[in-house]
Amino acid sequence: AATPTALSIDEDAVFAQIAATLRELPDAGLEDAEISRET
């Protein structure tokens, strides 16, 4: 459900998933980081 399908593959959906993944990186301290496309 979290992985974009062929119908929903767009940069915004992928960006949101990558930002969420970055926030979950162990020991990176990004849990509350503001992440934009320009980050």
PDB file of all heavy atoms in Angstrom:
ATOM      1  N   ALA A   1       0.819  -1.205   0.000  1.00  0.00           N
ATOM      2  CA  ALA A   1       0.000   0.000   0.000  1.00  0.00           C
ATOM      3  C   ALA A   1       0.857   1.260   0.000  1.00  0.00           C
ATOM      4  O   ALA A   1       0.460   2.287  -0.509  1.00  0.00           O
ATOM      5  CB  ALA A   1      -0.930   0.006   1.213  1.00  0.00           C
ATOM      6  N   ALA A   2       2.058   1.175   0.557  1.00  0.00           N
ATOM      7  CA  ALA A   2       2.931   2.344   0.624  1.00  0.00           C
ATOM      8  C   ALA A   2       3.769   2.507  -0.631  1.00  0.00           C
ATOM      9  O   ALA A   2       4.351   3.542  -0.858  1.00  0.00           O
ATOM     10  CB  ALA A   2       3.853   2.237   1.841  1.00  0.00           C
ATOM     11  N   THR A   3       3.846   1.487  -1.468  1.00  0.00           N
ATOM     12  CA  THR A   3       4.652   1.539  -2.667  1.00  0.00           C
ATOM     13  C   THR A   3       3.804   2.038  -3.827  1.00  0.00           C
ATOM     14  O   THR A   3       2.754   1.478  -4.099  1.00  0.00           O
ATOM     15  CB  THR A   3       5.227   0.148  -3.000  1.00  0.00           C
ATOM     16  OG1 THR A   3       5.981  -0.303  -1.886  1.00  0.00           O
ATOM     17  CG2 THR A   3       6.114   0.193  -4.222  1.00  0.00           C
ATOM     18  N   PRO A   4       4.253   3.094  -4.520  1.00  0.00           N
ATOM     19  CA  PRO A   4       3.474   3.608  -5.639  1.00  0.00           C
ATOM     20  C   PRO A   4       3.274   2.543  -6.714  1.00  0.00           C
ATOM     21  O   PRO A   4       4.178   1.784  -7.026  1.00  0.00           O
ATOM     22  CB  PRO A   4       4.325   4.760  -6.180  1.00  0.00           C
ATOM     23  CG  PRO A   4       5.209   5.146  -5.057  1.00  0.00           C
ATOM     24  CD  PRO A   4       5.447   3.878  -4.279  1.00  0.00           C
ATOM     25  N   THR A   5       2.080   2.478  -7.287  1.00  0.00           N
ATOM     26  CA  THR A   5       1.799   1.560  -8.375  1.00  0.00           C
ATOM     27  C   THR A   5       2.000   2.281  -9.691  1.00  0.00           C
ATOM     28  O   THR A   5       2.236   3.484  -9.724  1.00  0.00           O
ATOM     29  CB  THR A   5       0.347   1.061  -8.287  1.00  0.00           C
ATOM     30  OG1 THR A   5      -0.524   2.183  -8.453  1.00  0.00           O
ATOM     31  CG2 THR A   5       0.082   0.353  -6.976  1.00  0.00           C
ATOM     32  N   ALA A   6       1.845   1.555 -10.782  1.00  0.00           N
ATOM     33  CA  ALA A   6       2.039   2.149 -12.104  1.00  0.00           C
ATOM     34  C   ALA A   6       1.129   3.351 -12.309  1.00  0.00           C
ATOM     35  O   ALA A   6       1.503   4.321 -12.946  1.00  0.00           O
ATOM     36  CB  ALA A   6       1.785   1.104 -13.185  1.00  0.00           C
ATOM     37  N   LEU A   7      -0.092   3.287 -11.741  1.00  0.00           N
ATOM     38  CA  LEU A   7      -1.025   4.386 -11.924  1.00  0.00           C
ATOM     39  C   LEU A   7      -0.681   5.598 -11.069  1.00  0.00           C
ATOM     40  O   LEU A   7      -1.080   6.709 -11.375  1.00  0.00           O
ATOM     41  CB  LEU A   7      -2.448   3.910 -11.596  1.00  0.00           C
ATOM     42  CG  LEU A   7      -2.991   2.816 -12.499  1.00  0.00           C
ATOM     43  CD1 LEU A   7      -4.363   2.362 -12.010  1.00  0.00           C
ATOM     44  CD2 LEU A   7      -3.068   3.280 -13.939  1.00  0.00           C
ATOM     45  N   SER A   8       0.055   5.380  -9.973  1.00  0.00           N
ATOM     46  CA  SER A   8       0.320   6.493  -9.060  1.00  0.00           C
ATOM     47  C   SER A   8       1.779   6.925  -9.039  1.00  0.00           C
ATOM     48  O   SER A   8       2.157   7.694  -8.191  1.00  0.00           O
ATOM     49  CB  SER A   8      -0.119   6.117  -7.638  1.00  0.00           C
ATOM     50  OG  SER A   8       0.716   5.091  -7.131  1.00  0.00           O
ATOM     51  N   ILE A   9       2.576   6.424  -9.973  1.00  0.00           N
ATOM     52  CA  ILE A   9       3.985   6.792  -9.977  1.00  0.00           C
ATOM     53  C   ILE A   9       4.109   8.240 -10.439  1.00  0.00           C
ATOM     54  O   ILE A   9       3.903   8.564 -11.595  1.00  0.00           O
ATOM     55  CB  ILE A   9       4.830   5.874 -10.878  1.00  0.00           C
ATOM     56  CG1 ILE A   9       4.822   4.454 -10.348  1.00  0.00           C
ATOM     57  CG2 ILE A   9       6.269   6.396 -10.964  1.00  0.00           C
ATOM     58  CD1 ILE A   9       5.480   3.452 -11.260  1.00  0.00           C
ATOM     59  N   ASP A  10       4.378   9.102  -9.494  1.00  0.00           N
ATOM     60  CA  ASP A  10       4.695  10.481  -9.813  1.00  0.00           C
ATOM     61  C   ASP A  10       5.717  10.957  -8.787  1.00  0.00           C
ATOM     62  O   ASP A  10       5.888  10.344  -7.733  1.00  0.00           O
ATOM     63  CB  ASP A  10       3.450  11.369  -9.855  1.00  0.00           C
ATOM     64  CG  ASP A  10       2.769  11.517  -8.507  1.00  0.00           C
ATOM     65  OD1 ASP A  10       3.438  11.884  -7.518  1.00  0.00           O
ATOM     66  OD2 ASP A  10       1.553  11.273  -8.428  1.00  0.00           O
ATOM     67  N   GLU A  11       6.381  12.015  -9.114  1.00  0.00           N
ATOM     68  CA  GLU A  11       7.467  12.498  -8.272  1.00  0.00           C
ATOM     69  C   GLU A  11       6.998  12.859  -6.871  1.00  0.00           C
ATOM     70  O   GLU A  11       7.713  12.639  -5.899  1.00  0.00           O
ATOM     71  CB  GLU A  11       8.169  13.686  -8.934  1.00  0.00           C
ATOM     72  CG  GLU A  11       9.015  13.319 -10.134  1.00  0.00           C
ATOM     73  CD  GLU A  11       8.202  13.124 -11.413  1.00  0.00           C
ATOM     74  OE1 GLU A  11       6.978  13.388 -11.422  1.00  0.00           O
ATOM     75  OE2 GLU A  11       8.790  12.692 -12.418  1.00  0.00           O
ATOM     76  N   ASP A  12       5.784  13.398  -6.733  1.00  0.00           N
ATOM     77  CA  ASP A  12       5.289  13.798  -5.414  1.00  0.00           C
ATOM     78  C   ASP A  12       5.055  12.596  -4.506  1.00  0.00           C
ATOM     79  O   ASP A  12       5.411  12.613  -3.330  1.00  0.00           O
ATOM     80  CB  ASP A  12       4.010  14.622  -5.536  1.00  0.00           C
ATOM     81  CG  ASP A  12       4.255  15.982  -6.181  1.00  0.00           C
ATOM     82  OD1 ASP A  12       5.390  16.492  -6.082  1.00  0.00           O
ATOM     83  OD2 ASP A  12       3.316  16.527  -6.781  1.00  0.00           O
ATOM     84  N   ALA A  13       4.457  11.536  -5.054  1.00  0.00           N
ATOM     85  CA  ALA A  13       4.212  10.326  -4.258  1.00  0.00           C
ATOM     86  C   ALA A  13       5.529   9.678  -3.862  1.00  0.00           C
ATOM     87  O   ALA A  13       5.713   9.263  -2.710  1.00  0.00           O
ATOM     88  CB  ALA A  13       3.348   9.343  -5.042  1.00  0.00           C
ATOM     89  N   VAL A  14       6.451   9.602  -4.799  1.00  0.00           N
ATOM     90  CA  VAL A  14       7.755   9.004  -4.512  1.00  0.00           C
ATOM     91  C   VAL A  14       8.512   9.873  -3.522  1.00  0.00           C
ATOM     92  O   VAL A  14       9.119   9.361  -2.575  1.00  0.00           O
ATOM     93  CB  VAL A  14       8.567   8.793  -5.811  1.00  0.00           C
ATOM     94  CG1 VAL A  14       9.985   8.349  -5.508  1.00  0.00           C
ATOM     95  CG2 VAL A  14       7.870   7.769  -6.702  1.00  0.00           C
ATOM     96  N   PHE A  15       8.458  11.196  -3.706  1.00  0.00           N
ATOM     97  CA  PHE A  15       9.124  12.094  -2.772  1.00  0.00           C
ATOM     98  C   PHE A  15       8.613  11.872  -1.348  1.00  0.00           C
ATOM     99  O   PHE A  15       9.398  11.787  -0.406  1.00  0.00           O
ATOM    100  CB  PHE A  15       8.932  13.566  -3.167  1.00  0.00           C
ATOM    101  CG  PHE A  15       9.287  14.503  -2.057  1.00  0.00           C
ATOM    102  CD1 PHE A  15      10.612  14.764  -1.763  1.00  0.00           C
ATOM    103  CD2 PHE A  15       8.303  15.063  -1.255  1.00  0.00           C
ATOM    104  CE1 PHE A  15      10.950  15.590  -0.695  1.00  0.00           C
ATOM    105  CE2 PHE A  15       8.631  15.890  -0.197  1.00  0.00           C
ATOM    106  CZ  PHE A  15       9.961  16.148   0.081  1.00  0.00           C
ATOM    107  N   ALA A  16       7.305  11.806  -1.177  1.00  0.00           N
ATOM    108  CA  ALA A  16       6.729  11.615   0.157  1.00  0.00           C
ATOM    109  C   ALA A  16       7.216  10.318   0.789  1.00  0.00           C
ATOM    110  O   ALA A  16       7.532  10.280   1.982  1.00  0.00           O
ATOM    111  CB  ALA A  16       5.204  11.628   0.072  1.00  0.00           C
ATOM    112  N   GLN A  17       7.322   9.277  -0.007  1.00  0.00           N
ATOM    113  CA  GLN A  17       7.786   7.997   0.520  1.00  0.00           C
ATOM    114  C   GLN A  17       9.273   8.066   0.887  1.00  0.00           C
ATOM    115  O   GLN A  17       9.688   7.548   1.920  1.00  0.00           O
ATOM    116  CB  GLN A  17       7.536   6.884  -0.482  1.00  0.00           C
ATOM    117  CG  GLN A  17       7.792   5.516   0.112  1.00  0.00           C
ATOM    118  CD  GLN A  17       7.268   4.401  -0.753  1.00  0.00           C
ATOM    119  OE1 GLN A  17       6.896   4.619  -1.892  1.00  0.00           O
ATOM    120  NE2 GLN A  17       7.249   3.205  -0.216  1.00  0.00           N
ATOM    121  N   ILE A  18      10.071   8.719   0.075  1.00  0.00           N
ATOM    122  CA  ILE A  18      11.496   8.857   0.372  1.00  0.00           C
ATOM    123  C   ILE A  18      11.701   9.706   1.620  1.00  0.00           C
ATOM    124  O   ILE A  18      12.521   9.376   2.480  1.00  0.00           O
ATOM    125  CB  ILE A  18      12.262   9.417  -0.846  1.00  0.00           C
ATOM    126  CG1 ILE A  18      12.311   8.359  -1.945  1.00  0.00           C
ATOM    127  CG2 ILE A  18      13.672   9.864  -0.451  1.00  0.00           C
ATOM    128  CD1 ILE A  18      12.867   8.849  -3.258  1.00  0.00           C
ATOM    129  N   ALA A  19      10.954  10.793   1.748  1.00  0.00           N
ATOM    130  CA  ALA A  19      11.064  11.645   2.943  1.00  0.00           C
ATOM    131  C   ALA A  19      10.722  10.836   4.192  1.00  0.00           C
ATOM    132  O   ALA A  19      11.420  10.929   5.213  1.00  0.00           O
ATOM    133  CB  ALA A  19      10.155  12.862   2.817  1.00  0.00           C
ATOM    134  N   ALA A  20       9.683  10.025   4.115  1.00  0.00           N
ATOM    135  CA  ALA A  20       9.304   9.182   5.257  1.00  0.00           C
ATOM    136  C   ALA A  20      10.405   8.168   5.560  1.00  0.00           C
ATOM    137  O   ALA A  20      10.739   7.930   6.735  1.00  0.00           O
ATOM    138  CB  ALA A  20       7.987   8.469   4.971  1.00  0.00           C
ATOM    139  N   THR A  21      10.999   7.607   4.541  1.00  0.00           N
ATOM    140  CA  THR A  21      12.085   6.641   4.721  1.00  0.00           C
ATOM    141  C   THR A  21      13.293   7.314   5.363  1.00  0.00           C
ATOM    142  O   THR A  21      13.931   6.745   6.257  1.00  0.00           O
ATOM    143  CB  THR A  21      12.469   6.002   3.373  1.00  0.00           C
ATOM    144  OG1 THR A  21      11.317   5.352   2.828  1.00  0.00           O
ATOM    145  CG2 THR A  21      13.590   4.990   3.529  1.00  0.00           C
ATOM    146  N   LEU A  22      13.617   8.529   4.923  1.00  0.00           N
ATOM    147  CA  LEU A  22      14.739   9.264   5.512  1.00  0.00           C
ATOM    148  C   LEU A  22      14.515   9.514   6.999  1.00  0.00           C
ATOM    149  O   LEU A  22      15.439   9.387   7.804  1.00  0.00           O
ATOM    150  CB  LEU A  22      14.953  10.590   4.783  1.00  0.00           C
ATOM    151  CG  LEU A  22      15.603  10.486   3.409  1.00  0.00           C
ATOM    152  CD1 LEU A  22      15.446  11.789   2.642  1.00  0.00           C
ATOM    153  CD2 LEU A  22      17.066  10.106   3.542  1.00  0.00           C
ATOM    154  N   ARG A  23      13.292   9.837   7.359  1.00  0.00           N
ATOM    155  CA  ARG A  23      12.979  10.094   8.768  1.00  0.00           C
ATOM    156  C   ARG A  23      13.129   8.836   9.627  1.00  0.00           C
ATOM    157  O   ARG A  23      13.290   8.930  10.830  1.00  0.00           O
ATOM    158  CB  ARG A  23      11.575  10.666   8.896  1.00  0.00           C
ATOM    159  CG  ARG A  23      11.474  12.087   8.397  1.00  0.00           C
ATOM    160  CD  ARG A  23      10.107  12.707   8.666  1.00  0.00           C
ATOM    161  NE  ARG A  23      10.035  14.010   8.045  1.00  0.00           N
ATOM    162  CZ  ARG A  23       9.467  14.242   6.854  1.00  0.00           C
ATOM    163  NH1 ARG A  23       8.900  13.263   6.194  1.00  0.00           N
ATOM    164  NH2 ARG A  23       9.460  15.464   6.353  1.00  0.00           N
ATOM    165  N   GLU A  24      13.062   7.673   8.995  1.00  0.00           N
ATOM    166  CA  GLU A  24      13.175   6.407   9.716  1.00  0.00           C
ATOM    167  C   GLU A  24      14.599   5.844   9.733  1.00  0.00           C
ATOM    168  O   GLU A  24      14.828   4.790  10.319  1.00  0.00           O
ATOM    169  CB  GLU A  24      12.239   5.374   9.083  1.00  0.00           C
ATOM    170  CG  GLU A  24      10.775   5.739   9.236  1.00  0.00           C
ATOM    171  CD  GLU A  24       9.853   4.804   8.481  1.00  0.00           C
ATOM    172  OE1 GLU A  24      10.342   3.851   7.829  1.00  0.00           O
ATOM    173  OE2 GLU A  24       8.641   5.021   8.522  1.00  0.00           O
ATOM    174  N   LEU A  25      15.545   6.527   9.096  1.00  0.00           N
ATOM    175  CA  LEU A  25      16.928   6.034   9.090  1.00  0.00           C
ATOM    176  C   LEU A  25      17.445   5.925  10.522  1.00  0.00           C
ATOM    177  O   LEU A  25      17.394   6.914  11.280  1.00  0.00           O
ATOM    178  CB  LEU A  25      17.850   6.956   8.297  1.00  0.00           C
ATOM    179  CG  LEU A  25      17.821   6.856   6.788  1.00  0.00           C
ATOM    180  CD1 LEU A  25      18.729   7.923   6.180  1.00  0.00           C
ATOM    181  CD2 LEU A  25      18.226   5.481   6.312  1.00  0.00           C
ATOM    182  N   PRO A  26      17.952   4.763  10.890  1.00  0.00           N
ATOM    183  CA  PRO A  26      18.477   4.606  12.251  1.00  0.00           C
ATOM    184  C   PRO A  26      19.655   5.543  12.507  1.00  0.00           C
ATOM    185  O   PRO A  26      20.517   5.718  11.646  1.00  0.00           O
ATOM    186  CB  PRO A  26      18.933   3.149  12.293  1.00  0.00           C
ATOM    187  CG  PRO A  26      18.448   2.501  11.050  1.00  0.00           C
ATOM    188  CD  PRO A  26      18.076   3.569  10.086  1.00  0.00           C
ATOM    189  N   ASP A  27      19.676   6.153  13.640  1.00  0.00           N
ATOM    190  CA  ASP A  27      20.783   6.991  14.113  1.00  0.00           C
ATOM    191  C   ASP A  27      21.053   8.238  13.277  1.00  0.00           C
ATOM    192  O   ASP A  27      22.060   8.900  13.469  1.00  0.00           O
ATOM    193  CB  ASP A  27      22.080   6.174  14.216  1.00  0.00           C
ATOM    194  CG  ASP A  27      21.931   4.985  15.141  1.00  0.00           C
ATOM    195  OD1 ASP A  27      21.266   5.132  16.186  1.00  0.00           O
ATOM    196  OD2 ASP A  27      22.462   3.904  14.811  1.00  0.00           O
ATOM    197  N   ALA A  28      20.164   8.579  12.346  1.00  0.00           N
ATOM    198  CA  ALA A  28      20.378   9.774  11.527  1.00  0.00           C
ATOM    199  C   ALA A  28      19.785  11.019  12.188  1.00  0.00           C
ATOM    200  O   ALA A  28      20.138  12.135  11.816  1.00  0.00           O
ATOM    201  CB  ALA A  28      19.792   9.586  10.133  1.00  0.00           C
ATOM    202  N   GLY A  29      18.884  10.829  13.148  1.00  0.00           N
ATOM    203  CA  GLY A  29      18.292  11.961  13.847  1.00  0.00           C
ATOM    204  C   GLY A  29      17.378  12.816  12.994  1.00  0.00           C
ATOM    205  O   GLY A  29      17.268  14.023  13.212  1.00  0.00           O
ATOM    206  N   LEU A  30      16.704  12.213  12.034  1.00  0.00           N
ATOM    207  CA  LEU A  30      15.869  12.978  11.108  1.00  0.00           C
ATOM    208  C   LEU A  30      14.374  12.832  11.382  1.00  0.00           C
ATOM    209  O   LEU A  30      13.558  13.243  10.562  1.00  0.00           O
ATOM    210  CB  LEU A  30      16.156  12.526   9.664  1.00  0.00           C
ATOM    211  CG  LEU A  30      17.586  12.697   9.176  1.00  0.00           C
ATOM    212  CD1 LEU A  30      17.753  12.117   7.781  1.00  0.00           C
ATOM    213  CD2 LEU A  30      17.989  14.158   9.208  1.00  0.00           C
ATOM    214  N   GLU A  31      14.022  12.286  12.531  1.00  0.00           N
ATOM    215  CA  GLU A  31      12.617  12.001  12.832  1.00  0.00           C
ATOM    216  C   GLU A  31      11.720  13.220  12.644  1.00  0.00           C
ATOM    217  O   GLU A  31      10.597  13.106  12.152  1.00  0.00           O
ATOM    218  CB  GLU A  31      12.450  11.477  14.268  1.00  0.00           C
ATOM    219  CG  GLU A  31      13.132  10.152  14.530  1.00  0.00           C
ATOM    220  CD  GLU A  31      14.615  10.301  14.868  1.00  0.00           C
ATOM    221  OE1 GLU A  31      15.096  11.435  15.098  1.00  0.00           O
ATOM    222  OE2 GLU A  31      15.301   9.274  14.891  1.00  0.00           O
ATOM    223  N   ASP A  32      12.180  14.380  13.041  1.00  0.00           N
ATOM    224  CA  ASP A  32      11.380  15.600  12.959  1.00  0.00           C
ATOM    225  C   ASP A  32      11.891  16.573  11.896  1.00  0.00           C
ATOM    226  O   ASP A  32      11.492  17.742  11.879  1.00  0.00           O
ATOM    227  CB  ASP A  32      11.366  16.306  14.325  1.00  0.00           C
ATOM    228  CG  ASP A  32      10.735  15.443  15.401  1.00  0.00           C
ATOM    229  OD1 ASP A  32       9.736  14.755  15.115  1.00  0.00           O
ATOM    230  OD2 ASP A  32      11.243  15.445  16.538  1.00  0.00           O
ATOM    231  N   ALA A  33      12.759  16.104  11.019  1.00  0.00           N
ATOM    232  CA  ALA A  33      13.365  16.980  10.013  1.00  0.00           C
ATOM    233  C   ALA A  33      12.341  17.450   8.993  1.00  0.00           C
ATOM    234  O   ALA A  33      11.461  16.694   8.579  1.00  0.00           O
ATOM    235  CB  ALA A  33      14.494  16.246   9.297  1.00  0.00           C
ATOM    236  N   GLU A  34      12.450  18.717   8.629  1.00  0.00           N
ATOM    237  CA  GLU A  34      11.661  19.237   7.519  1.00  0.00           C
ATOM    238  C   GLU A  34      12.418  18.889   6.247  1.00  0.00           C
ATOM    239  O   GLU A  34      13.565  19.289   6.070  1.00  0.00           O
ATOM    240  CB  GLU A  34      11.478  20.740   7.647  1.00  0.00           C
ATOM    241  CG  GLU A  34      10.526  21.136   8.747  1.00  0.00           C
ATOM    242  CD  GLU A  34      10.178  22.611   8.705  1.00  0.00           C
ATOM    243  OE1 GLU A  34      10.059  23.171   7.593  1.00  0.00           O
ATOM    244  OE2 GLU A  34      10.047  23.187   9.789  1.00  0.00           O
ATOM    245  N   ILE A  35      11.781  18.143   5.397  1.00  0.00           N
ATOM    246  CA  ILE A  35      12.417  17.682   4.168  1.00  0.00           C
ATOM    247  C   ILE A  35      11.581  18.156   2.991  1.00  0.00           C
ATOM    248  O   ILE A  35      10.390  17.864   2.901  1.00  0.00           O
ATOM    249  CB  ILE A  35      12.547  16.141   4.153  1.00  0.00           C
ATOM    250  CG1 ILE A  35      13.403  15.684   5.332  1.00  0.00           C
ATOM    251  CG2 ILE A  35      13.153  15.671   2.826  1.00  0.00           C
ATOM    252  CD1 ILE A  35      13.464  14.172   5.514  1.00  0.00           C
ATOM    253  N   SER A  36      12.226  18.905   2.100  1.00  0.00           N
ATOM    254  CA  SER A  36      11.566  19.373   0.884  1.00  0.00           C
ATOM    255  C   SER A  36      12.308  18.794  -0.314  1.00  0.00           C
ATOM    256  O   SER A  36      13.343  18.149  -0.169  1.00  0.00           O
ATOM    257  CB  SER A  36      11.583  20.901   0.818  1.00  0.00           C
ATOM    258  OG  SER A  36      12.895  21.366   0.554  1.00  0.00           O
ATOM    259  N   ARG A  37      11.793  19.061  -1.490  1.00  0.00           N
ATOM    260  CA  ARG A  37      12.468  18.583  -2.710  1.00  0.00           C
ATOM    261  C   ARG A  37      13.855  19.220  -2.841  1.00  0.00           C
ATOM    262  O   ARG A  37      14.739  18.639  -3.435  1.00  0.00           O
ATOM    263  CB  ARG A  37      11.619  18.894  -3.947  1.00  0.00           C
ATOM    264  CG  ARG A  37      10.344  18.048  -4.015  1.00  0.00           C
ATOM    265  CD  ARG A  37       9.599  18.263  -5.324  1.00  0.00           C
ATOM    266  NE  ARG A  37      10.381  17.971  -6.496  1.00  0.00           N
ATOM    267  CZ  ARG A  37      10.620  16.748  -6.982  1.00  0.00           C
ATOM    268  NH1 ARG A  37      10.117  15.705  -6.382  1.00  0.00           N
ATOM    269  NH2 ARG A  37      11.352  16.584  -8.068  1.00  0.00           N
ATOM    270  N   GLU A  38      14.045  20.413  -2.262  1.00  0.00           N
ATOM    271  CA  GLU A  38      15.322  21.120  -2.375  1.00  0.00           C
ATOM    272  C   GLU A  38      16.307  20.757  -1.265  1.00  0.00           C
ATOM    273  O   GLU A  38      17.445  21.228  -1.269  1.00  0.00           O
ATOM    274  CB  GLU A  38      15.082  22.633  -2.370  1.00  0.00           C
ATOM    275  CG  GLU A  38      14.349  23.148  -3.597  1.00  0.00           C
ATOM    276  CD  GLU A  38      12.852  22.857  -3.570  1.00  0.00           C
ATOM    277  OE1 GLU A  38      12.264  22.784  -2.463  1.00  0.00           O
ATOM    278  OE2 GLU A  38      12.267  22.677  -4.649  1.00  0.00           O
ATOM    279  N   THR A  39      15.896  19.932  -0.325  1.00  0.00           N
ATOM    280  CA  THR A  39      16.767  19.551   0.785  1.00  0.00           C
ATOM    281  C   THR A  39      17.981  18.792   0.260  1.00  0.00           C
ATOM    282  O   THR A  39      17.837  17.843  -0.511  1.00  0.00           O
ATOM    283  CB  THR A  39      15.993  18.671   1.795  1.00  0.00           C
ATOM    284  OG1 THR A  39      14.894  19.425   2.310  1.00  0.00           O
ATOM    285  CG2 THR A  39      16.885  18.226   2.939  1.00  0.00           C
TER     286      THR A  39
END
